[in-house]
Every structure is written in C-alpha cells, then in structure tokens.
Amino acid sequence: MPIALASGAIGVGALTALSLPAAIGAMALGLVGLLLMLGPRLRWLFLTSLTIILIGYAFLDRAFAYVGVAPLYIGEVVLAIAVVWLLTAWRRIPRDPLHFILLAFMALGALRTLPYLEHDGLDALRDAVLWGYGLFALALSAAIDKRHISGAVSVFRRVIPFFLLWVPLAVPLSALLDDTLPTVGANSIDVLTVKAGDAGVHLAGVGAFMITGLFATHGAKRIFEALLTVLWVVSIGIVGALNRGGLLAASVAGSALLLRPSKGWLLGLPLVALFSILIALSNPVVEVPGRRTLSLSQIQDNVVSIFTDTGERRQEGTKDFRLQWWGKIVDYTVWGPYFLSGKGFGVNLAEDDGVVQGVNNPLPLRSPHNSNMTVLARMGVPGMGLWIALQLGFGASLIAAFFRARKAGATFWSRVDLWLFAYWLAAIVNSMFDVYLEGPQGGIWFWAIFGLGLAAMRLQADIGKTRPSLVPSLGRNS
C-alpha cells in the first residue's frame, strides 16, 4: 500500500506538470479507488466526516468552508465520499415520490449546468451546488438506520451547550472585528465569520430540539435546559438585531409548540422573563461599525421592517434592490424568453441582470438574496415547479409523519419529526433573505436535514400498523 501511494503521488506530480485537469482527474480516480477499498467501512466514513463538517460549518460558517486546497475544499471531499457511497449502495435509495422528485430536480439541474462547463468552468460547478448538494440527501437517505437517528439526536444534544455559549460571543465579535482579522481563501474571508442569518437557522433547530423535549429527560438535565433557554433567548436577540432574516428563521422554533413543550423548557420561561425585564430596564446599545446596532430598538425595527416600510434608509434600500431584482427575474422567466430554460448555471446573475446595489456600487454577488429566485432564474419555471413540489411535499410528509407517530404513541419519532420540520423550515425562511443554499455552510446543512428527514420517514413508515408497544425504542427519549 505505501509503495502504491508513493507511486501514485509521483504520477500525479508528473501529470500536473503536463496538464492540471488530467492531474485532478487522476487524483479523483485514485480517491475513488481508495474509498472503494474500505468496503463496509465506507458508510461509517461518510457519516462521520459529514458530522464533523456540519459541526464545523455551524461554528465557523464560511471560514470553515475554506479548509482544504482550492478547488478541493473539505465540503467537496466529503461530497466525493457521499458519491462513492451512493455508487455502492444505490439499491438502498427508496422508490417513493419524494425521491423521484428530488432526482428529477437534480437531473434538470445537471442539464442546465453541462452546456456552461466549457465556458464558465469552476463558476458553473460552484453555482451547481444548489442542486448538486442534493447528493447528500440521497446518500443520507440510503445510509441512515434507526441507530443513526438516535446517534444524531445524541450528538446534537452534546453540541447544544457549546453552540449557545459560542453564538453570543462569536456573532458580535465577527461584526465588531470585521476587516481586522486574518483571512482565508481567495475571497479573503475572515477566520472568524459567523453570519447572523445562518446562526438563526441553527438557533431554530436548537429551540425546536429543546421545546419538543429531545434535550432533557430527567430533573437535573431539565434545570440545565432551563439555564440554556436563557442563552438561547440572548442569542436570538443578538442575531435578531443584526439580521432580520436570522430573526425570522430563529422564530420558526415556535412551530415546535404543536407538540406539548418539555418541562425543562417551561422551567426556563421565568428566568427568560426576569432576564428580559433586566435588559429592558438597562436598554444596552452596542455600536457595530458599518452594521446595525445591537439594541432592543434595532430588534423592533427589524421585526417591523419585515412587514412594512420603516423609513430607515439602510433597511429599506436593501429591501428595494432585492424586490427590483426579483421582479426582473420573474419578468424574463415567467413572462419572458427564459420560461423553460432559465439562464443556467455559470452566468453571473448580478452582472447579466444589470443589478446594482447602491450608488456606483456593483453588487458583489453571483446570485440574488433569495435561493428560491436563484432556482427560478437558473432553471426556469419547470425547475421552480419541481423545487416547490419537492419542498411542499417534504414539509407536508414530515407533519403527516408527526401526527401518525403521536397518535400511535411513538413519542421519540414525533419529536424527531417536529424537530426536523422546524430546522428545515428555518433554512427555507433564511434562504428567502440570503444567498444561503448556494454555499456549503448553508447548502450542505439544508440537504443533510432533508436527507435525515427522508430517512426518518422511511424508518417510521410502519408506525400505526403495529401496537404502540412495538414502536421502536431509541435512546432515553422514547
């Protein structure tokens, strides 16, 4: 094995001198060969590596996305592992309507990417992650067993305290220290970069996890959960002051109230009320250079600006340019020449659509601040139709699974269904305000939640057909 690896490295080095694409191709083939040699351990490698990068993206956001060597970053490496796993286990992919719609969406995405590869190269591939990361959902759907669902809940439970300590520190610091920190990658991303909108999605997942009762099962842990609830509210306040999309995404945790909340979460409400009163009386204000202030009045303005015109120039200016851009996209797709095809994956939509944010300030983005509009612009009305059918079908199926599990007395499964539903919905909400699904830190998380939901629904498909006592017992929360 060492001799083979050394020989392969020498061969790749020689190819690099002759042709970089050939060298990349040889490296890819070599990686596939090594992964196939793992046999049954390949699934373990895929699930473990995916867990690691999901935690990394949650804490370090875009900075973590640049771990690796261009153009192969850590997300692409784990995606390669997922693809090889799928090649060995494609028979495990369920044959149901949601999977067929997902495959159709990805197939159309591929058709709208291939014609642009020669001209746009890596730009086309980067844009294509909008549908390409769906491979994570397919791989998870095929790989997950009942024990993995329990394991995912256990890992998430352990990570929550660290995340709730991290957000109140990292989000404001990343804004306050902007342009003063070391950078990574060709785009000079600060090493401490935590977007408020992305954090809001994870806060929704954390809130739903606690509200549904997946976090605490006994007295001591319920008291700990009550303290964490205060940190959760503080984190939402910070995120909400900096980003209205993050505020709206985090608030999606309230959808978990469809299920009776856990006692630990209820115990935290008096502490939250007391803390809120103290904050209201002190009314702290933290000025963030070039950003919105951290204050109660800013949170109020962000909430109001979602529904009406506040008159605040920065907020309304951002909203206006987005609405104008989305209007252009609707005009040239729904009512225009790109109805069937969209503009494809590869073209810089900001440049091609002639969109400018502010006075003499070209928009430094390839796609609009709305992932749904990106689908419409790049894949046309057929792609948008598949996207809507996929998301509505997934959400409705999770809610239906939740009610079936609750009726059958399968408490664990009902909690998991509602947790995943809230997490997925928060990601959808944030994607309406930001370029979220088009990057690894948001896109891989979104499709991982999607794949976990597909697997959960498959594993509980027989609920209601057996006696409640025979419902799978997973972990201590069943």
Protein backbone atom coordinates (compact mmCIF):
# COMPACT_ATOMS: atom_id res chain seq x y z
CA MET A 1 0.00 0.00 0.00
CA PRO A 2 2.72 2.62 0.85
CA ILE A 3 4.54 1.81 -2.40
CA ALA A 4 1.31 2.20 -4.38
CA LEU A 5 0.56 5.53 -2.70
CA ALA A 6 4.08 6.82 -3.36
CA SER A 7 3.91 5.75 -6.98
CA GLY A 8 0.52 7.42 -7.35
CA ALA A 9 1.83 10.65 -5.85
CA ILE A 10 4.79 10.69 -8.24
CA GLY A 11 2.47 10.04 -11.18
CA VAL A 12 0.10 12.84 -10.19
CA GLY A 13 3.06 15.19 -9.81
CA ALA A 14 4.23 14.37 -13.32
CA LEU A 15 0.74 14.83 -14.72
CA THR A 16 0.42 18.20 -13.00
CA ALA A 17 3.42 19.46 -14.96
CA LEU A 18 1.75 18.36 -18.19
CA SER A 19 -1.94 19.00 -17.58
CA LEU A 20 -3.69 20.23 -14.43
CA PRO A 21 -7.13 18.83 -15.46
CA ALA A 22 -5.55 15.43 -16.11
CA ALA A 23 -3.87 15.54 -12.70
CA ILE A 24 -7.17 16.41 -10.99
CA GLY A 25 -8.86 13.57 -12.84
CA ALA A 26 -6.16 11.12 -11.77
CA MET A 27 -6.47 12.27 -8.16
CA ALA A 28 -10.24 11.79 -8.31
CA LEU A 29 -9.88 8.27 -9.69
CA GLY A 30 -7.29 7.46 -7.05
CA LEU A 31 -9.59 8.74 -4.30
CA VAL A 32 -12.47 6.64 -5.62
CA GLY A 33 -10.24 3.57 -5.67
CA LEU A 34 -9.10 4.12 -2.09
CA LEU A 35 -12.65 4.66 -0.88
CA LEU A 36 -13.92 1.52 -2.61
CA MET A 37 -11.24 -0.46 -0.79
CA LEU A 38 -12.87 0.48 2.52
CA GLY A 39 -15.86 -1.75 1.80
CA PRO A 40 -18.42 -1.75 4.65
CA ARG A 41 -16.45 0.95 6.48
CA LEU A 42 -17.26 3.44 3.72
CA ARG A 43 -20.67 4.21 5.23
CA TRP A 44 -19.08 4.88 8.62
CA LEU A 45 -16.54 7.22 6.98
CA PHE A 46 -19.30 9.11 5.16
CA LEU A 47 -21.48 9.61 8.23
CA THR A 48 -18.54 10.51 10.48
CA SER A 49 -16.98 13.00 8.06
CA LEU A 50 -20.38 14.60 7.37
CA THR A 51 -20.98 15.02 11.11
CA ILE A 52 -17.61 16.72 11.50
CA ILE A 53 -18.14 19.23 8.71
CA LEU A 54 -21.69 20.03 9.84
CA ILE A 55 -20.36 20.97 13.28
CA GLY A 56 -17.55 22.95 11.66
CA TYR A 57 -19.96 24.90 9.44
CA ALA A 58 -22.28 25.61 12.39
CA PHE A 59 -19.50 27.14 14.48
CA LEU A 60 -17.15 28.72 11.91
CA ASP A 61 -19.51 29.25 8.96
CA ARG A 62 -17.80 30.42 5.76
CA ALA A 63 -14.28 30.26 7.23
CA PHE A 64 -14.60 26.51 7.75
CA ALA A 65 -15.70 26.13 4.12
CA TYR A 66 -12.15 27.09 3.06
CA VAL A 67 -10.48 24.19 4.85
CA GLY A 68 -8.61 22.37 2.10
CA VAL A 69 -6.76 23.33 -1.08
CA ALA A 70 -8.53 25.08 -3.97
CA PRO A 71 -10.54 23.88 -5.74
CA LEU A 72 -10.98 20.85 -3.46
CA TYR A 73 -12.21 22.07 -0.10
CA ILE A 74 -13.46 19.92 2.74
CA GLY A 75 -17.09 20.02 1.58
CA GLU A 76 -16.16 18.70 -1.85
CA VAL A 77 -14.06 15.92 -0.32
CA VAL A 78 -16.98 14.72 1.83
CA LEU A 79 -19.27 15.07 -1.21
CA ALA A 80 -16.92 12.73 -3.10
CA ILE A 81 -17.20 10.21 -0.25
CA ALA A 82 -21.01 10.53 -0.43
CA VAL A 83 -20.98 9.90 -4.19
CA VAL A 84 -18.81 6.80 -3.86
CA TRP A 85 -21.10 5.54 -1.09
CA LEU A 86 -24.08 6.05 -3.38
CA LEU A 87 -22.35 4.12 -6.17
CA THR A 88 -22.02 1.14 -3.86
CA ALA A 89 -25.47 1.41 -2.27
CA TRP A 90 -27.75 2.88 -4.94
CA ARG A 91 -30.18 -0.01 -4.48
CA ARG A 92 -30.88 1.28 -0.96
CA ILE A 93 -32.39 4.53 -2.28
CA PRO A 94 -36.16 4.32 -1.62
CA ARG A 95 -38.53 4.37 -4.59
CA ASP A 96 -41.10 6.93 -3.46
CA PRO A 97 -42.50 10.20 -4.88
CA LEU A 98 -40.19 12.50 -2.88
CA HIS A 99 -37.06 10.71 -4.07
CA PHE A 100 -38.29 10.74 -7.67
CA ILE A 101 -38.97 14.50 -7.49
CA LEU A 102 -35.53 15.08 -5.96
CA LEU A 103 -33.88 13.05 -8.72
CA ALA A 104 -35.86 14.93 -11.38
CA PHE A 105 -34.83 18.29 -9.86
CA MET A 106 -31.18 17.26 -9.83
CA ALA A 107 -31.36 15.85 -13.37
CA LEU A 108 -32.78 19.13 -14.67
CA GLY A 109 -30.08 20.99 -12.76
CA ALA A 110 -27.43 18.86 -14.45
CA LEU A 111 -28.93 19.58 -17.88
CA ARG A 112 -28.78 23.31 -17.14
CA THR A 113 -25.13 23.03 -16.00
CA LEU A 114 -23.42 20.87 -18.63
CA PRO A 115 -23.70 23.40 -21.52
CA TYR A 116 -21.84 26.01 -19.46
CA LEU A 117 -18.95 23.92 -18.15
CA GLU A 118 -16.65 24.59 -21.11
CA HIS A 119 -17.09 28.36 -20.98
CA ASP A 120 -17.59 29.02 -17.24
CA GLY A 121 -15.61 26.13 -15.74
CA LEU A 122 -15.45 26.23 -11.95
CA ASP A 123 -18.03 29.04 -11.78
CA ALA A 124 -20.61 26.68 -13.29
CA LEU A 125 -19.71 23.97 -10.79
CA ARG A 126 -19.90 26.40 -7.86
CA ASP A 127 -23.34 27.57 -8.97
CA ALA A 128 -24.44 23.96 -9.46
CA VAL A 129 -24.10 23.13 -5.75
CA LEU A 130 -27.67 24.48 -5.44
CA TRP A 131 -28.84 21.13 -6.82
CA GLY A 132 -25.60 19.13 -6.54
CA TYR A 133 -25.61 19.09 -2.75
CA GLY A 134 -28.85 17.12 -3.05
CA LEU A 135 -26.48 14.14 -3.31
CA PHE A 136 -26.00 14.48 0.45
CA ALA A 137 -29.75 13.99 0.93
CA LEU A 138 -29.76 10.88 -1.27
CA ALA A 139 -26.70 9.43 0.45
CA LEU A 140 -28.10 10.06 3.94
CA SER A 141 -31.49 8.67 2.99
CA ALA A 142 -29.78 5.44 1.95
CA ALA A 143 -27.24 5.28 4.78
CA ILE A 144 -29.30 6.06 7.89
CA ASP A 145 -30.59 3.26 10.12
CA LYS A 146 -32.56 3.55 13.38
CA ARG A 147 -29.38 3.63 15.47
CA HIS A 148 -28.08 6.57 13.42
CA ILE A 149 -31.18 8.64 14.19
CA SER A 150 -30.61 8.05 17.89
CA GLY A 151 -26.93 8.89 17.40
CA ALA A 152 -27.75 12.15 15.60
CA VAL A 153 -30.00 13.20 18.48
CA SER A 154 -27.27 12.32 20.99
CA VAL A 155 -24.59 14.29 19.14
CA PHE A 156 -26.87 17.32 18.73
CA ARG A 157 -27.69 17.22 22.45
CA ARG A 158 -23.99 17.34 23.33
CA VAL A 159 -23.22 20.18 20.93
CA ILE A 160 -26.07 22.50 22.05
CA PRO A 161 -24.43 23.92 25.22
CA PHE A 162 -21.23 24.80 23.35
CA PHE A 163 -23.16 26.39 20.49
CA LEU A 164 -25.29 28.52 22.83
CA LEU A 165 -22.12 29.75 24.54
CA TRP A 166 -20.46 30.38 21.18
CA VAL A 167 -23.15 32.43 19.37
CA PRO A 168 -23.42 35.36 21.86
CA LEU A 169 -19.64 35.78 21.62
CA ALA A 170 -18.83 34.94 18.02
CA VAL A 171 -21.64 36.74 16.16
CA PRO A 172 -21.00 40.23 17.61
CA LEU A 173 -17.21 39.74 17.56
CA SER A 174 -17.23 38.74 13.90
CA ALA A 175 -19.07 42.01 13.19
CA LEU A 176 -17.01 44.22 15.52
CA LEU A 177 -13.65 42.86 14.35
CA ASP A 178 -14.54 42.86 10.66
CA ASP A 179 -11.58 43.73 8.38
CA THR A 180 -9.10 43.37 11.27
CA LEU A 181 -8.85 39.59 11.42
CA PRO A 182 -6.67 37.25 9.34
CA THR A 183 -8.38 35.97 6.22
CA VAL A 184 -8.60 32.69 4.34
CA GLY A 185 -9.38 31.80 0.74
CA ALA A 186 -9.29 33.78 -2.49
CA ASN A 187 -12.25 35.89 -1.33
CA SER A 188 -10.43 36.95 1.86
CA ILE A 189 -12.95 35.58 4.34
CA ASP A 190 -12.24 36.47 7.99
CA VAL A 191 -11.19 33.47 10.08
CA LEU A 192 -13.98 34.40 12.49
CA THR A 193 -17.04 34.69 10.28
CA VAL A 194 -20.43 33.80 11.71
CA LYS A 195 -23.36 35.10 9.68
CA ALA A 196 -26.35 36.07 11.78
CA GLY A 197 -28.78 34.53 9.31
CA ASP A 198 -27.00 31.16 9.34
CA ALA A 199 -26.83 31.22 13.14
CA GLY A 200 -30.58 31.95 13.21
CA VAL A 201 -31.28 28.69 11.35
CA HIS A 202 -29.31 26.69 13.90
CA LEU A 203 -30.95 28.53 16.78
CA ALA A 204 -34.31 27.44 15.37
CA GLY A 205 -33.05 23.85 15.33
CA VAL A 206 -31.78 24.18 18.90
CA GLY A 207 -35.03 25.76 20.09
CA ALA A 208 -37.19 23.09 18.47
CA PHE A 209 -34.94 20.39 19.93
CA MET A 210 -35.49 21.72 23.45
CA ILE A 211 -39.17 22.61 23.04
CA THR A 212 -40.08 19.13 21.81
CA GLY A 213 -38.34 17.51 24.78
CA LEU A 214 -35.45 15.83 22.94
CA PHE A 215 -32.87 17.53 25.15
CA ALA A 216 -33.93 16.70 28.71
CA THR A 217 -35.49 13.59 30.20
CA HIS A 218 -34.91 13.94 33.95
CA GLY A 219 -34.72 16.56 36.71
CA ALA A 220 -31.06 17.58 36.73
CA LYS A 221 -30.90 17.93 32.97
CA ARG A 222 -34.17 19.90 32.93
CA ILE A 223 -32.65 22.51 35.26
CA PHE A 224 -29.65 22.72 32.95
CA GLU A 225 -32.00 23.09 29.99
CA ALA A 226 -33.76 25.98 31.78
CA LEU A 227 -30.44 27.83 32.00
CA LEU A 228 -29.69 27.09 28.35
CA THR A 229 -33.08 28.59 27.42
CA VAL A 230 -31.85 31.97 28.67
CA LEU A 231 -28.72 31.68 26.50
CA TRP A 232 -30.95 30.73 23.58
CA VAL A 233 -33.05 33.88 24.00
CA VAL A 234 -29.91 36.03 24.31
CA SER A 235 -28.55 34.50 21.10
CA ILE A 236 -31.80 35.16 19.25
CA GLY A 237 -31.72 38.79 20.44
CA ILE A 238 -28.19 39.30 19.08
CA VAL A 239 -28.98 37.57 15.79
CA GLY A 240 -32.26 39.48 15.50
CA ALA A 241 -30.56 42.85 15.96
CA LEU A 242 -28.05 42.19 13.18
CA ASN A 243 -30.20 40.38 10.63
CA ARG A 244 -33.96 40.29 10.13
CA GLY A 245 -33.73 37.08 8.11
CA GLY A 246 -31.92 35.40 11.01
CA LEU A 247 -34.54 36.70 13.43
CA LEU A 248 -37.36 35.31 11.33
CA ALA A 249 -35.54 31.98 10.84
CA ALA A 250 -34.88 31.59 14.58
CA SER A 251 -38.52 32.32 15.38
CA VAL A 252 -39.51 29.24 13.39
CA ALA A 253 -38.69 27.23 16.52
CA GLY A 254 -42.17 28.24 17.65
CA SER A 255 -43.61 25.74 15.16
CA ALA A 256 -42.44 23.03 17.58
CA LEU A 257 -45.11 24.22 20.02
CA LEU A 258 -47.50 21.99 18.07
CA LEU A 259 -46.22 19.35 20.49
CA ARG A 260 -46.55 19.88 24.26
CA PRO A 261 -43.26 21.52 25.32
CA SER A 262 -40.87 19.81 27.68
CA LYS A 263 -40.97 20.64 31.38
CA GLY A 264 -37.37 21.80 31.27
CA TRP A 265 -38.17 24.34 28.59
CA LEU A 266 -41.15 25.62 30.60
CA LEU A 267 -38.98 25.93 33.70
CA GLY A 268 -36.77 28.32 31.77
CA LEU A 269 -39.58 30.77 30.98
CA PRO A 270 -39.48 32.57 34.39
CA LEU A 271 -35.72 33.01 34.01
CA VAL A 272 -36.23 34.34 30.49
CA ALA A 273 -38.89 36.76 31.74
CA LEU A 274 -36.63 38.04 34.54
CA PHE A 275 -33.69 38.42 32.17
CA SER A 276 -35.85 40.25 29.62
CA ILE A 277 -37.05 42.72 32.25
CA LEU A 278 -33.46 43.47 33.31
CA ILE A 279 -32.41 44.01 29.69
CA ALA A 280 -35.41 46.26 29.03
CA LEU A 281 -34.60 48.37 32.07
CA SER A 282 -30.91 48.74 31.21
CA ASN A 283 -31.57 49.11 27.43
CA PRO A 284 -27.98 48.32 26.32
CA VAL A 285 -26.75 49.69 22.99
CA VAL A 286 -23.64 48.37 21.23
CA GLU A 287 -22.46 50.20 18.12
CA VAL A 288 -21.17 47.90 15.38
CA PRO A 289 -19.15 49.85 12.76
CA GLY A 290 -20.80 49.61 9.35
CA ARG A 291 -23.57 47.40 10.71
CA ARG A 292 -26.82 47.75 12.62
CA THR A 293 -26.57 48.43 16.35
CA LEU A 294 -27.15 45.75 18.95
CA SER A 295 -30.16 47.16 20.80
CA LEU A 296 -33.80 46.49 21.61
CA SER A 297 -34.92 49.26 19.28
CA GLN A 298 -32.97 47.68 16.41
CA ILE A 299 -34.68 44.34 17.01
CA GLN A 300 -38.03 46.15 16.94
CA ASP A 301 -37.11 47.92 13.69
CA ASN A 302 -36.07 44.61 12.10
CA VAL A 303 -39.36 42.98 13.04
CA VAL A 304 -41.40 45.92 11.71
CA SER A 305 -39.33 46.13 8.50
CA ILE A 306 -40.34 42.59 7.55
CA PHE A 307 -43.95 43.66 7.21
CA THR A 308 -43.89 47.39 6.44
CA ASP A 309 -41.76 50.42 5.46
CA THR A 310 -39.82 51.72 8.46
CA GLY A 311 -38.35 54.71 6.66
CA GLU A 312 -34.85 53.63 7.70
CA ARG A 313 -32.63 54.14 4.65
CA ARG A 314 -30.35 51.13 5.03
CA GLN A 315 -33.12 48.63 5.69
CA GLU A 316 -35.49 49.89 3.01
CA GLY A 317 -32.70 50.34 0.47
CA THR A 318 -31.70 46.70 0.85
CA LYS A 319 -35.32 45.60 0.57
CA ASP A 320 -35.94 47.75 -2.53
CA PHE A 321 -32.97 46.47 -4.54
CA ARG A 322 -33.92 42.88 -3.77
CA LEU A 323 -37.53 43.39 -4.85
CA GLN A 324 -36.39 45.09 -8.06
CA TRP A 325 -34.02 42.23 -8.86
CA TRP A 326 -36.64 39.57 -8.12
CA GLY A 327 -39.05 41.45 -10.36
CA LYS A 328 -36.55 41.25 -13.23
CA ILE A 329 -36.15 37.52 -12.71
CA VAL A 330 -39.91 36.96 -12.82
CA ASP A 331 -40.15 39.10 -15.96
CA TYR A 332 -37.59 37.15 -18.00
CA THR A 333 -38.71 33.71 -16.77
CA VAL A 334 -42.43 33.59 -16.02
CA TRP A 335 -43.26 36.23 -18.66
CA GLY A 336 -40.16 36.11 -20.83
CA PRO A 337 -37.78 34.12 -23.04
CA TYR A 338 -36.25 32.06 -20.22
CA PHE A 339 -39.55 30.41 -19.20
CA LEU A 340 -38.41 26.85 -19.96
CA SER A 341 -34.64 27.04 -19.57
CA GLY A 342 -33.66 29.79 -17.15
CA LYS A 343 -30.19 31.27 -17.59
CA GLY A 344 -28.39 28.12 -16.48
CA PHE A 345 -25.59 27.54 -14.00
CA GLY A 346 -22.46 29.50 -14.81
CA VAL A 347 -23.60 33.02 -15.69
CA ASN A 348 -23.14 35.70 -13.03
CA LEU A 349 -26.77 36.71 -12.49
CA ALA A 350 -25.88 40.06 -10.90
CA GLU A 351 -23.87 41.10 -13.94
CA ASP A 352 -26.20 39.58 -16.52
CA ASP A 353 -29.29 41.12 -14.93
CA GLY A 354 -27.58 44.51 -14.62
CA VAL A 355 -28.33 44.83 -10.91
CA VAL A 356 -26.56 47.47 -8.82
CA GLN A 357 -26.85 47.88 -5.04
CA GLY A 358 -26.48 51.50 -4.00
CA VAL A 359 -24.86 54.34 -5.91
CA ASN A 360 -21.90 53.28 -8.07
CA ASN A 361 -21.57 50.09 -6.02
CA PRO A 362 -21.83 46.94 -8.16
CA LEU A 363 -23.41 44.03 -6.34
CA PRO A 364 -20.59 41.62 -5.34
CA LEU A 365 -22.77 38.53 -5.70
CA ARG A 366 -23.39 35.89 -8.33
CA SER A 367 -26.96 35.18 -7.24
CA PRO A 368 -29.89 37.09 -5.68
CA HIS A 369 -30.59 37.22 -1.94
CA ASN A 370 -33.20 34.50 -2.32
CA SER A 371 -32.37 30.88 -3.13
CA ASN A 372 -35.86 30.32 -4.50
CA MET A 373 -35.32 33.14 -7.00
CA THR A 374 -31.97 31.58 -7.89
CA VAL A 375 -33.77 28.36 -8.81
CA LEU A 376 -36.23 30.30 -10.99
CA ALA A 377 -33.51 32.38 -12.67
CA ARG A 378 -31.21 29.44 -13.42
CA MET A 379 -33.72 26.62 -14.08
CA GLY A 380 -36.80 28.44 -15.36
CA VAL A 381 -40.41 27.69 -14.45
CA PRO A 382 -40.07 23.87 -14.77
CA GLY A 383 -37.21 23.89 -12.27
CA MET A 384 -39.16 26.16 -9.94
CA GLY A 385 -42.16 23.83 -10.20
CA LEU A 386 -40.05 20.83 -9.19
CA TRP A 387 -38.48 22.83 -6.35
CA ILE A 388 -41.86 23.87 -4.94
CA ALA A 389 -43.26 20.35 -5.25
CA LEU A 390 -40.17 18.93 -3.51
CA GLN A 391 -40.27 21.34 -0.57
CA LEU A 392 -44.04 21.29 -0.06
CA GLY A 393 -44.05 17.51 -0.32
CA PHE A 394 -41.24 17.18 2.21
CA GLY A 395 -42.81 19.55 4.74
CA ALA A 396 -46.27 18.02 4.42
CA SER A 397 -44.86 14.49 4.71
CA LEU A 398 -42.96 15.33 7.90
CA ILE A 399 -46.05 16.87 9.50
CA ALA A 400 -48.14 13.84 8.49
CA ALA A 401 -45.48 11.53 9.98
CA PHE A 402 -45.54 13.60 13.18
CA PHE A 403 -49.28 13.21 13.63
CA ARG A 404 -49.13 9.48 12.87
CA ALA A 405 -46.36 8.95 15.40
CA ARG A 406 -48.13 10.99 18.07
CA LYS A 407 -51.36 9.08 17.53
CA ALA A 408 -49.52 5.77 17.78
CA GLY A 409 -47.76 6.82 21.00
CA ALA A 410 -44.30 6.89 19.36
CA THR A 411 -43.09 9.90 21.32
CA PHE A 412 -39.48 9.78 20.14
CA TRP A 413 -40.42 9.74 16.47
CA SER A 414 -42.98 12.53 16.86
CA ARG A 415 -40.33 14.71 18.49
CA VAL A 416 -37.77 13.94 15.78
CA ASP A 417 -40.30 14.75 13.04
CA LEU A 418 -41.15 18.11 14.55
CA TRP A 419 -37.51 18.98 15.23
CA LEU A 420 -36.51 18.26 11.63
CA PHE A 421 -39.56 20.12 10.31
CA ALA A 422 -38.64 23.27 12.27
CA TYR A 423 -34.99 23.03 11.20
CA TRP A 424 -35.94 22.60 7.54
CA LEU A 425 -38.48 25.44 7.67
CA ALA A 426 -35.94 27.80 9.27
CA ALA A 427 -33.50 27.07 6.44
CA ILE A 428 -36.21 27.78 3.87
CA VAL A 429 -37.05 31.07 5.59
CA ASN A 430 -33.41 32.19 5.74
CA SER A 431 -32.93 31.24 2.08
CA MET A 432 -35.56 33.87 1.21
CA PHE A 433 -33.33 36.61 2.63
CA ASP A 434 -29.82 35.46 1.81
CA VAL A 435 -27.54 33.52 -0.54
CA TYR A 436 -27.87 30.51 1.76
CA LEU A 437 -28.35 27.28 -0.17
CA GLU A 438 -25.75 28.32 -2.76
CA GLY A 439 -22.83 27.81 -0.35
CA PRO A 440 -21.55 24.79 1.60
CA GLN A 441 -22.18 26.22 5.08
CA GLY A 442 -25.90 26.51 4.30
CA GLY A 443 -26.45 24.13 1.41
CA ILE A 444 -24.84 21.07 2.99
CA TRP A 445 -26.72 21.65 6.25
CA PHE A 446 -30.00 22.05 4.38
CA TRP A 447 -29.65 18.88 2.34
CA ALA A 448 -28.39 16.96 5.40
CA ILE A 449 -31.58 17.89 7.28
CA PHE A 450 -33.55 16.94 4.17
CA GLY A 451 -31.82 13.54 3.93
CA LEU A 452 -32.22 12.90 7.65
CA GLY A 453 -35.93 13.67 7.31
CA LEU A 454 -36.28 11.28 4.36
CA ALA A 455 -34.58 8.54 6.36
CA ALA A 456 -36.69 9.22 9.46
CA MET A 457 -39.90 8.96 7.46
CA ARG A 458 -38.74 5.69 5.88
CA LEU A 459 -37.82 4.19 9.24
CA GLN A 460 -41.16 5.01 10.83
CA ALA A 461 -43.31 4.06 7.83
CA ASP A 462 -44.80 1.12 9.72
CA ILE A 463 -45.95 3.22 12.69
CA GLY A 464 -49.69 2.88 13.14
CA LYS A 465 -49.62 -0.61 11.64
CA THR A 466 -48.31 -2.14 14.87
CA ARG A 467 -49.25 -1.84 18.53
CA PRO A 468 -47.80 1.25 20.28
CA SER A 469 -45.67 -1.01 22.45
CA LEU A 470 -43.86 -2.23 19.35
CA VAL A 471 -42.85 1.26 18.22
CA PRO A 472 -39.03 1.45 18.06
CA SER A 473 -37.43 2.49 21.33
CA LEU A 474 -34.42 4.67 20.60
CA GLY A 475 -32.33 6.31 23.26
CA ARG A 476 -33.64 7.59 26.57
CA ASN A 477 -36.26 9.84 24.98
CA SER A 478 -38.53 7.12 23.59
